[in-house]
């Protein structure tokens, strides 16, 4: 099985989720450092849809730029995330079984 993780190596939760994936038997892990290789707006929307969460739920609320998005529409949030990927909460993991926001990191086990 292939698992893709949208990863920030500076984030402890992202590192924990990556360790879970790397320790799982039969899982080929693709690491995408999304701050270096930002996803498109369409990719962000697609992974949230697959994970069953709204863009507001995937917003990294601790970031300065997120404060202006309080109460914003999904479209406005997606536009902001595409323009500034630091606003994307991490880690996001996708497999053939679905997608999960790894908060807590153990949630990624649901799609392995």
N, C-alpha and C. Protein backbone atom coordinates (compact mmCIF):
# COMPACT_ATOMS: atom_id res chain seq x y z
N UNK A 1 0.83 -1.17 0.00
CA UNK A 1 0.00 0.00 0.00
C UNK A 1 0.88 1.24 0.00
N UNK A 2 0.44 2.26 -0.70
CA UNK A 2 1.15 3.53 -0.74
C UNK A 2 0.45 4.50 0.20
N UNK A 3 1.24 5.25 0.96
CA UNK A 3 0.73 6.30 1.83
C UNK A 3 1.50 7.58 1.51
N UNK A 4 0.76 8.65 1.29
CA UNK A 4 1.36 9.95 1.05
C UNK A 4 1.10 10.82 2.26
N UNK A 5 2.16 11.42 2.79
CA UNK A 5 2.03 12.31 3.94
C UNK A 5 2.45 13.71 3.54
N UNK A 6 1.58 14.68 3.82
CA UNK A 6 1.93 16.09 3.68
C UNK A 6 2.61 16.43 4.99
N UNK A 7 3.90 16.63 4.94
CA UNK A 7 4.76 16.62 6.11
C UNK A 7 5.51 17.93 6.30
N UNK A 8 5.66 18.31 7.57
CA UNK A 8 6.54 19.40 7.95
C UNK A 8 7.52 18.81 8.97
N UNK A 9 8.78 18.65 8.61
CA UNK A 9 9.73 18.00 9.52
C UNK A 9 9.95 18.76 10.83
N UNK A 10 9.55 20.01 10.91
CA UNK A 10 9.70 20.78 12.14
C UNK A 10 8.56 20.52 13.12
N UNK A 11 7.53 19.81 12.70
CA UNK A 11 6.34 19.57 13.51
C UNK A 11 6.42 18.19 14.19
N UNK A 12 6.31 18.16 15.51
CA UNK A 12 6.41 16.88 16.23
C UNK A 12 5.28 15.93 15.86
N UNK A 13 4.07 16.43 15.68
CA UNK A 13 2.94 15.55 15.31
C UNK A 13 3.16 14.96 13.92
N UNK A 14 3.71 15.75 13.03
CA UNK A 14 4.00 15.26 11.69
C UNK A 14 5.09 14.20 11.73
N UNK A 15 6.11 14.41 12.55
CA UNK A 15 7.17 13.40 12.69
C UNK A 15 6.62 12.12 13.31
N UNK A 16 5.72 12.24 14.27
CA UNK A 16 5.11 11.06 14.89
C UNK A 16 4.28 10.27 13.87
N UNK A 17 3.50 10.96 13.07
CA UNK A 17 2.69 10.28 12.05
C UNK A 17 3.58 9.60 11.02
N UNK A 18 4.65 10.27 10.63
CA UNK A 18 5.59 9.67 9.68
C UNK A 18 6.20 8.40 10.26
N UNK A 19 6.55 8.42 11.53
CA UNK A 19 7.12 7.23 12.18
C UNK A 19 6.12 6.08 12.18
N UNK A 20 4.85 6.38 12.41
CA UNK A 20 3.80 5.34 12.36
C UNK A 20 3.76 4.72 10.97
N UNK A 21 3.78 5.56 9.95
CA UNK A 21 3.72 5.07 8.57
C UNK A 21 4.95 4.23 8.24
N UNK A 22 6.11 4.72 8.63
CA UNK A 22 7.35 4.00 8.33
C UNK A 22 7.44 2.67 9.08
N UNK A 23 6.77 2.57 10.21
CA UNK A 23 6.78 1.34 10.99
C UNK A 23 5.71 0.35 10.59
N UNK A 24 4.81 0.77 9.72
CA UNK A 24 3.72 -0.11 9.29
C UNK A 24 4.22 -1.08 8.22
N UNK A 25 3.83 -2.32 8.35
CA UNK A 25 4.26 -3.36 7.42
C UNK A 25 3.60 -3.17 6.05
N UNK A 26 4.41 -3.25 5.01
CA UNK A 26 3.89 -3.22 3.65
C UNK A 26 3.45 -1.85 3.16
N UNK A 27 3.88 -0.80 3.83
CA UNK A 27 3.48 0.55 3.43
C UNK A 27 4.67 1.27 2.78
N UNK A 28 4.44 1.71 1.55
CA UNK A 28 5.42 2.53 0.83
C UNK A 28 5.05 3.98 1.09
N UNK A 29 5.94 4.73 1.73
CA UNK A 29 5.64 6.09 2.16
C UNK A 29 6.22 7.11 1.19
N UNK A 30 5.37 8.00 0.72
CA UNK A 30 5.81 9.15 -0.07
C UNK A 30 5.68 10.37 0.83
N UNK A 31 6.78 11.07 1.03
CA UNK A 31 6.79 12.25 1.88
C UNK A 31 6.78 13.49 0.99
N UNK A 32 5.78 14.32 1.20
CA UNK A 32 5.67 15.59 0.48
C UNK A 32 5.84 16.70 1.51
N UNK A 33 6.95 17.41 1.42
CA UNK A 33 7.15 18.56 2.29
C UNK A 33 6.36 19.71 1.67
N UNK A 34 5.14 19.85 2.13
CA UNK A 34 4.18 20.74 1.47
C UNK A 34 4.55 22.22 1.55
N UNK A 35 5.45 22.59 2.45
CA UNK A 35 5.90 23.98 2.47
C UNK A 35 6.92 24.24 1.36
N UNK A 36 7.64 23.20 0.94
CA UNK A 36 8.59 23.31 -0.16
C UNK A 36 7.92 23.06 -1.50
N UNK A 37 6.94 22.16 -1.51
CA UNK A 37 6.20 21.80 -2.72
C UNK A 37 4.72 21.98 -2.42
N UNK A 38 4.23 23.21 -2.47
CA UNK A 38 2.85 23.48 -2.06
C UNK A 38 1.83 22.79 -2.97
N UNK A 39 0.77 22.28 -2.36
CA UNK A 39 -0.32 21.69 -3.16
C UNK A 39 -1.14 22.79 -3.81
N UNK A 40 -1.84 22.41 -4.85
CA UNK A 40 -2.75 23.36 -5.50
C UNK A 40 -4.03 23.47 -4.67
N UNK A 41 -4.81 24.46 -4.96
CA UNK A 41 -6.10 24.63 -4.29
C UNK A 41 -6.96 23.39 -4.50
N UNK A 42 -6.94 22.85 -5.72
CA UNK A 42 -7.74 21.67 -6.03
C UNK A 42 -7.26 20.45 -5.23
N UNK A 43 -5.96 20.31 -5.07
CA UNK A 43 -5.43 19.19 -4.28
C UNK A 43 -5.84 19.32 -2.81
N UNK A 44 -5.80 20.54 -2.29
CA UNK A 44 -6.20 20.75 -0.90
C UNK A 44 -7.68 20.40 -0.73
N UNK A 45 -8.52 20.91 -1.62
CA UNK A 45 -9.96 20.62 -1.55
C UNK A 45 -10.22 19.12 -1.65
N UNK A 46 -9.51 18.44 -2.53
CA UNK A 46 -9.73 17.01 -2.74
C UNK A 46 -9.36 16.19 -1.51
N UNK A 47 -8.25 16.50 -0.87
CA UNK A 47 -7.85 15.70 0.30
C UNK A 47 -8.79 15.96 1.47
N UNK A 48 -9.28 17.18 1.62
CA UNK A 48 -10.25 17.45 2.69
C UNK A 48 -11.55 16.71 2.43
N UNK A 49 -11.97 16.68 1.18
CA UNK A 49 -13.19 15.94 0.84
C UNK A 49 -13.01 14.46 1.15
N UNK A 50 -11.86 13.90 0.78
CA UNK A 50 -11.58 12.49 1.02
C UNK A 50 -11.50 12.20 2.52
N UNK A 51 -11.00 13.17 3.29
CA UNK A 51 -10.88 13.00 4.74
C UNK A 51 -12.20 13.27 5.47
N UNK A 52 -13.16 13.86 4.75
CA UNK A 52 -14.44 14.17 5.36
C UNK A 52 -14.39 15.35 6.33
N UNK A 53 -13.48 16.29 6.06
CA UNK A 53 -13.40 17.48 6.89
C UNK A 53 -13.54 18.73 6.04
N UNK A 54 -13.93 19.81 6.67
CA UNK A 54 -14.06 21.08 5.96
C UNK A 54 -12.72 21.80 5.95
N UNK A 55 -12.56 22.74 5.04
CA UNK A 55 -11.34 23.54 5.06
C UNK A 55 -11.13 24.24 6.41
N UNK A 56 -12.19 24.68 7.05
CA UNK A 56 -12.06 25.32 8.36
C UNK A 56 -11.47 24.35 9.39
N UNK A 57 -11.85 23.07 9.30
CA UNK A 57 -11.30 22.07 10.22
C UNK A 57 -9.84 21.77 9.92
N UNK A 58 -9.42 22.01 8.69
CA UNK A 58 -8.04 21.77 8.29
C UNK A 58 -7.15 23.00 8.37
N UNK A 59 -7.70 24.08 8.90
CA UNK A 59 -6.96 25.32 9.01
C UNK A 59 -6.08 25.31 10.25
N UNK A 60 -4.85 25.68 10.08
CA UNK A 60 -3.92 25.77 11.21
C UNK A 60 -4.18 27.10 11.93
N UNK A 61 -5.05 27.03 12.90
CA UNK A 61 -5.57 28.22 13.56
C UNK A 61 -4.53 29.01 14.35
N UNK A 62 -3.43 28.40 14.72
CA UNK A 62 -2.39 29.08 15.50
C UNK A 62 -1.58 30.05 14.65
N UNK A 63 -1.68 29.94 13.34
CA UNK A 63 -0.91 30.83 12.47
C UNK A 63 -1.54 32.21 12.40
N UNK A 64 -0.68 33.22 12.31
CA UNK A 64 -1.14 34.60 12.26
C UNK A 64 -2.16 34.83 11.14
N UNK A 65 -1.90 34.29 9.97
CA UNK A 65 -2.79 34.49 8.82
C UNK A 65 -4.16 33.86 8.99
N UNK A 66 -4.30 32.92 9.92
CA UNK A 66 -5.59 32.24 10.13
C UNK A 66 -6.58 33.12 10.86
N UNK A 67 -6.09 34.06 11.62
CA UNK A 67 -7.00 34.92 12.41
C UNK A 67 -7.96 35.68 11.53
N UNK A 68 -7.50 36.14 10.38
CA UNK A 68 -8.35 36.88 9.45
C UNK A 68 -9.39 35.99 8.78
N UNK A 69 -9.23 34.67 8.90
CA UNK A 69 -10.13 33.73 8.23
C UNK A 69 -11.24 33.20 9.14
N UNK A 70 -11.29 33.70 10.38
CA UNK A 70 -12.34 33.25 11.29
C UNK A 70 -13.71 33.60 10.69
N UNK A 71 -14.53 32.57 10.52
CA UNK A 71 -15.86 32.75 9.93
C UNK A 71 -15.87 32.87 8.42
N UNK A 72 -14.71 32.70 7.78
CA UNK A 72 -14.63 32.82 6.32
C UNK A 72 -15.25 31.60 5.64
N UNK A 73 -15.59 31.76 4.39
CA UNK A 73 -16.16 30.67 3.60
C UNK A 73 -15.09 29.64 3.29
N UNK A 74 -15.53 28.43 2.94
CA UNK A 74 -14.60 27.38 2.54
C UNK A 74 -13.74 27.84 1.37
N UNK A 75 -14.36 28.54 0.41
CA UNK A 75 -13.61 29.01 -0.75
C UNK A 75 -12.51 29.98 -0.35
N UNK A 76 -12.81 30.89 0.56
CA UNK A 76 -11.82 31.87 1.01
C UNK A 76 -10.67 31.16 1.75
N UNK A 77 -11.01 30.17 2.54
CA UNK A 77 -9.98 29.43 3.28
C UNK A 77 -9.09 28.64 2.32
N UNK A 78 -9.69 27.98 1.35
CA UNK A 78 -8.90 27.23 0.36
C UNK A 78 -7.99 28.17 -0.43
N UNK A 79 -8.50 29.34 -0.80
CA UNK A 79 -7.67 30.32 -1.52
C UNK A 79 -6.49 30.73 -0.67
N UNK A 80 -6.74 30.98 0.60
CA UNK A 80 -5.66 31.40 1.51
C UNK A 80 -4.63 30.30 1.70
N UNK A 81 -5.09 29.05 1.83
CA UNK A 81 -4.17 27.93 2.00
C UNK A 81 -3.30 27.74 0.76
N UNK A 82 -3.90 27.89 -0.41
CA UNK A 82 -3.14 27.74 -1.65
C UNK A 82 -2.09 28.85 -1.77
N UNK A 83 -2.42 30.04 -1.29
CA UNK A 83 -1.49 31.16 -1.36
C UNK A 83 -0.41 31.07 -0.28
N UNK A 84 -0.75 30.50 0.88
CA UNK A 84 0.17 30.41 2.00
C UNK A 84 0.00 29.06 2.69
N UNK A 85 0.73 28.03 2.23
CA UNK A 85 0.50 26.66 2.73
C UNK A 85 0.80 26.46 4.22
N UNK A 86 1.43 27.42 4.89
CA UNK A 86 1.63 27.29 6.32
C UNK A 86 0.29 27.22 7.05
N UNK A 87 -0.77 27.67 6.39
CA UNK A 87 -2.11 27.65 6.98
C UNK A 87 -2.73 26.26 6.99
N UNK A 88 -2.11 25.30 6.31
CA UNK A 88 -2.63 23.93 6.25
C UNK A 88 -2.19 23.19 7.50
N UNK A 89 -3.16 22.68 8.27
CA UNK A 89 -2.83 21.87 9.45
C UNK A 89 -2.20 20.57 8.98
N UNK A 90 -1.24 20.11 9.73
CA UNK A 90 -0.53 18.89 9.36
C UNK A 90 -0.49 17.95 10.55
N UNK A 91 -0.19 16.71 10.24
CA UNK A 91 0.08 16.09 8.94
C UNK A 91 -1.22 15.60 8.29
N UNK A 92 -1.24 15.63 7.00
CA UNK A 92 -2.33 15.02 6.23
C UNK A 92 -1.77 13.76 5.58
N UNK A 93 -2.51 12.66 5.71
CA UNK A 93 -2.06 11.39 5.16
C UNK A 93 -3.17 10.83 4.28
N UNK A 94 -2.77 10.32 3.12
CA UNK A 94 -3.72 9.74 2.17
C UNK A 94 -3.25 8.36 1.74
N UNK A 95 -4.18 7.40 1.74
CA UNK A 95 -3.94 6.06 1.21
C UNK A 95 -5.14 5.70 0.34
N UNK A 96 -5.11 4.49 -0.19
CA UNK A 96 -6.25 4.02 -0.98
C UNK A 96 -7.50 3.83 -0.11
N UNK A 97 -7.32 3.80 1.20
CA UNK A 97 -8.45 3.62 2.13
C UNK A 97 -9.04 4.93 2.62
N UNK A 98 -8.45 6.06 2.23
CA UNK A 98 -8.98 7.35 2.66
C UNK A 98 -7.88 8.33 2.99
N UNK A 99 -8.28 9.38 3.68
CA UNK A 99 -7.34 10.42 4.11
C UNK A 99 -7.68 10.80 5.54
N UNK A 100 -6.66 11.23 6.28
CA UNK A 100 -6.84 11.65 7.67
C UNK A 100 -5.91 12.81 7.98
N UNK A 101 -6.42 13.70 8.81
CA UNK A 101 -5.58 14.70 9.45
C UNK A 101 -5.03 14.02 10.69
N UNK A 102 -3.73 13.91 10.79
CA UNK A 102 -3.08 13.16 11.86
C UNK A 102 -3.00 13.92 13.17
N UNK A 103 -4.13 14.32 13.67
CA UNK A 103 -4.24 15.01 14.96
C UNK A 103 -5.27 14.27 15.78
N UNK A 104 -4.91 13.38 16.65
CA UNK A 104 -3.55 12.96 17.00
C UNK A 104 -2.96 12.05 15.92
N UNK A 105 -1.65 11.87 15.92
CA UNK A 105 -1.00 11.07 14.89
C UNK A 105 -1.56 9.66 14.71
N UNK A 106 -2.06 9.07 15.79
CA UNK A 106 -2.59 7.70 15.74
C UNK A 106 -3.77 7.57 14.77
N UNK A 107 -4.42 8.69 14.42
CA UNK A 107 -5.55 8.64 13.49
C UNK A 107 -5.17 8.08 12.13
N UNK A 108 -3.89 8.17 11.77
CA UNK A 108 -3.48 7.66 10.46
C UNK A 108 -3.61 6.14 10.39
N UNK A 109 -3.61 5.48 11.53
CA UNK A 109 -3.77 4.02 11.54
C UNK A 109 -5.13 3.59 10.97
N UNK A 110 -6.12 4.49 11.02
CA UNK A 110 -7.45 4.18 10.51
C UNK A 110 -7.47 3.90 9.02
N UNK A 111 -6.46 4.39 8.30
CA UNK A 111 -6.45 4.21 6.84
C UNK A 111 -5.29 3.33 6.36
N UNK A 112 -4.73 2.58 7.28
CA UNK A 112 -3.65 1.65 6.91
C UNK A 112 -4.21 0.24 6.75
